[in-house]
Amino acid sequence: MLEDLSDHTNLGAVFRSAAALGFDAVLLTPRCADPLYRRAVRTSMGAVFSVPWTRIPWYEGPDLLKERGYRVVALTPAPDALELRAVRPEAHPRLALVLGSEGHGSSERWLGAADLSVRIPMANDIDSLNVGAAAAVAFYALGTPRPPAPPAR
């Protein structure tokens, strides 16, 4: 769930990560950049054509997701948010991860409506990652649990 991402490069990077890490779809609020804009298509390596996407209303969005059985999880750098690695995706098979706009992050509306706020712990006095990089980390952490690799021979 992308709230108001305005940069086509970031948007494309999110789509590429969603495709690479097996996410079902990307939802966008009305003020998000256009996924079919040339730069977004190029950055996504064409994933905007293979990952289903649609726009949903900004204000009603959290309620629409919850009505459809999704647990809404907002990614935020807030220090009081739960660490991302503490979330167990297998306990909630229908997660909608909210990623906010560049600079401002998620709005109070989306943060307040989220069932859970999570953060990626940072080191070296870095406050946050670029939204494209944060999406990749979160998608990996929250993706479908994979069976353990077979032992090496």
Protein backbone atom coordinates (compact mmCIF):
# COMPACT_ATOMS: atom_id res chain seq x y z
CA MET A 1 0.00 0.00 0.00
CA LEU A 2 1.71 3.16 -1.20
CA GLU A 3 0.53 6.47 0.18
CA ASP A 4 1.36 9.47 -1.99
CA LEU A 5 4.74 8.36 -3.40
CA SER A 6 5.60 11.07 -5.90
CA ASP A 7 8.95 9.90 -7.25
CA HIS A 8 8.72 7.59 -10.26
CA THR A 9 12.07 5.98 -9.47
CA ASN A 10 10.95 5.06 -5.95
CA LEU A 11 7.66 3.78 -7.29
CA GLY A 12 9.43 1.58 -9.83
CA ALA A 13 11.81 0.26 -7.17
CA VAL A 14 8.86 -0.74 -4.98
CA PHE A 15 7.24 -2.60 -7.88
CA ARG A 16 10.49 -4.39 -8.68
CA SER A 17 10.90 -5.52 -5.07
CA ALA A 18 7.24 -6.56 -4.86
CA ALA A 19 7.71 -8.75 -7.94
CA ALA A 20 11.05 -10.18 -6.81
CA LEU A 21 9.83 -11.02 -3.32
CA GLY A 22 6.47 -12.48 -4.31
CA PHE A 23 3.96 -9.88 -3.19
CA ASP A 24 0.46 -10.15 -4.60
CA ALA A 25 -0.32 -6.56 -5.58
CA VAL A 26 0.52 -2.90 -5.11
CA LEU A 27 -2.17 -0.47 -4.04
CA LEU A 28 -1.74 3.26 -4.59
CA THR A 29 -3.51 6.30 -3.22
CA PRO A 30 -4.74 8.79 -5.84
CA ARG A 31 -1.75 11.15 -5.45
CA CYS A 32 0.88 8.48 -6.15
CA ALA A 33 3.00 8.82 -9.25
CA ASP A 34 1.91 6.99 -12.39
CA PRO A 35 3.32 3.44 -12.55
CA LEU A 36 3.10 3.56 -16.35
CA TYR A 37 5.33 6.62 -16.61
CA ARG A 38 8.49 5.71 -18.54
CA ARG A 39 10.91 6.14 -15.60
CA ALA A 40 8.75 3.96 -13.31
CA VAL A 41 8.52 1.26 -15.97
CA ARG A 42 12.29 1.33 -16.53
CA THR A 43 13.18 1.29 -12.81
CA SER A 44 10.74 -1.54 -12.16
CA MET A 45 12.36 -3.58 -14.96
CA GLY A 46 8.85 -4.03 -16.34
CA ALA A 47 7.35 -5.27 -13.06
CA VAL A 48 4.59 -2.66 -13.35
CA PHE A 49 3.22 -4.91 -16.11
CA SER A 50 3.36 -8.14 -14.09
CA VAL A 51 2.41 -7.08 -10.56
CA PRO A 52 -1.30 -6.27 -10.29
CA TRP A 53 -1.98 -2.74 -9.08
CA THR A 54 -4.85 -0.37 -8.55
CA ARG A 55 -5.64 2.91 -6.89
CA ILE A 56 -7.79 3.05 -3.78
CA PRO A 57 -9.36 6.07 -2.08
CA TRP A 58 -7.04 7.82 0.35
CA TYR A 59 -9.39 8.38 3.28
CA GLU A 60 -11.40 5.18 3.01
CA GLY A 61 -8.37 3.02 2.19
CA PRO A 62 -7.57 1.64 5.66
CA ASP A 63 -11.19 0.73 6.30
CA LEU A 64 -11.52 -0.93 2.88
CA LEU A 65 -8.48 -3.10 3.59
CA LYS A 66 -9.72 -4.09 7.05
CA GLU A 67 -13.19 -4.93 5.70
CA ARG A 68 -11.48 -7.36 3.33
CA GLY A 69 -9.62 -9.10 6.14
CA TYR A 70 -6.23 -7.41 5.92
CA ARG A 71 -4.13 -6.47 8.91
CA VAL A 72 -2.84 -2.98 8.13
CA VAL A 73 0.83 -2.58 9.08
CA ALA A 74 2.42 0.87 8.72
CA LEU A 75 6.16 1.21 8.24
CA THR A 76 7.48 4.24 10.14
CA PRO A 77 10.78 5.39 11.62
CA ALA A 78 9.01 6.25 14.91
CA PRO A 79 11.09 5.02 17.85
CA ASP A 80 8.02 3.63 19.65
CA ALA A 81 7.05 1.37 16.73
CA LEU A 82 7.60 -2.36 17.00
CA GLU A 83 10.74 -3.69 15.32
CA LEU A 84 9.94 -5.20 11.93
CA ARG A 85 11.59 -8.52 12.74
CA ALA A 86 9.11 -9.01 15.64
CA VAL A 87 6.20 -9.36 13.19
CA ARG A 88 5.34 -12.95 12.39
CA PRO A 89 3.73 -12.98 8.92
CA GLU A 90 2.54 -16.56 9.35
CA ALA A 91 0.32 -15.38 12.22
CA HIS A 92 -1.40 -12.90 9.89
CA PRO A 93 -1.45 -14.26 6.34
CA ARG A 94 -3.22 -11.18 4.95
CA LEU A 95 -0.97 -8.18 5.58
CA ALA A 96 -1.23 -4.80 3.90
CA LEU A 97 2.07 -2.97 4.38
CA VAL A 98 1.72 0.82 4.26
CA LEU A 99 4.65 2.84 2.91
CA GLY A 100 4.38 6.61 3.13
CA SER A 101 5.54 9.40 0.89
CA GLU A 102 9.11 10.52 0.49
CA GLY A 103 10.09 12.93 3.23
CA HIS A 104 6.85 13.04 5.21
CA GLY A 105 6.18 9.33 5.51
CA SER A 106 2.70 8.03 6.20
CA SER A 107 -0.03 10.48 7.12
CA GLU A 108 -1.63 10.63 10.56
CA ARG A 109 -4.74 9.13 8.94
CA TRP A 110 -2.95 5.98 7.82
CA LEU A 111 -0.72 5.69 10.89
CA GLY A 112 -3.70 6.09 13.20
CA ALA A 113 -5.79 3.56 11.30
CA ALA A 114 -3.02 0.94 11.15
CA ASP A 115 -3.37 -2.16 13.29
CA LEU A 116 0.34 -2.07 13.91
CA SER A 117 3.25 0.34 13.35
CA VAL A 118 6.66 -1.19 12.63
CA ARG A 119 10.14 0.18 12.08
CA ILE A 120 13.41 -0.98 10.62
CA PRO A 121 16.10 -0.48 13.29
CA MET A 122 18.83 1.89 12.12
CA ALA A 123 22.48 2.22 13.13
CA ASN A 124 25.06 5.01 12.93
CA ASP A 125 22.58 7.85 13.57
CA ILE A 126 20.77 7.21 10.29
CA ASP A 127 17.09 8.01 10.81
CA SER A 128 15.54 6.06 7.93
CA LEU A 129 16.02 4.42 4.54
CA ASN A 130 14.85 5.60 1.16
CA VAL A 131 11.29 4.33 0.63
CA GLY A 132 12.41 1.99 -2.16
CA ALA A 133 15.10 0.41 0.03
CA ALA A 134 12.76 0.25 3.04
CA ALA A 135 10.16 -1.52 0.90
CA ALA A 136 12.67 -4.18 -0.15
CA VAL A 137 13.74 -4.83 3.45
CA ALA A 138 10.14 -4.99 4.67
CA PHE A 139 8.99 -7.19 1.78
CA TYR A 140 11.77 -9.63 2.54
CA ALA A 141 11.01 -9.65 6.26
CA LEU A 142 7.24 -9.98 5.82
CA GLY A 143 7.17 -12.21 2.75
CA THR A 144 5.82 -15.69 2.64
CA PRO A 145 7.91 -17.89 4.91
CA ARG A 146 10.03 -20.18 2.81
CA PRO A 147 10.99 -23.73 3.71
CA PRO A 148 14.53 -24.16 5.00
CA ALA A 149 17.20 -24.77 2.40
CA PRO A 150 18.31 -28.39 2.03
CA PRO A 151 21.57 -29.20 3.79
CA ALA A 152 24.73 -28.69 1.76
CA ARG A 153 26.40 -31.85 0.50
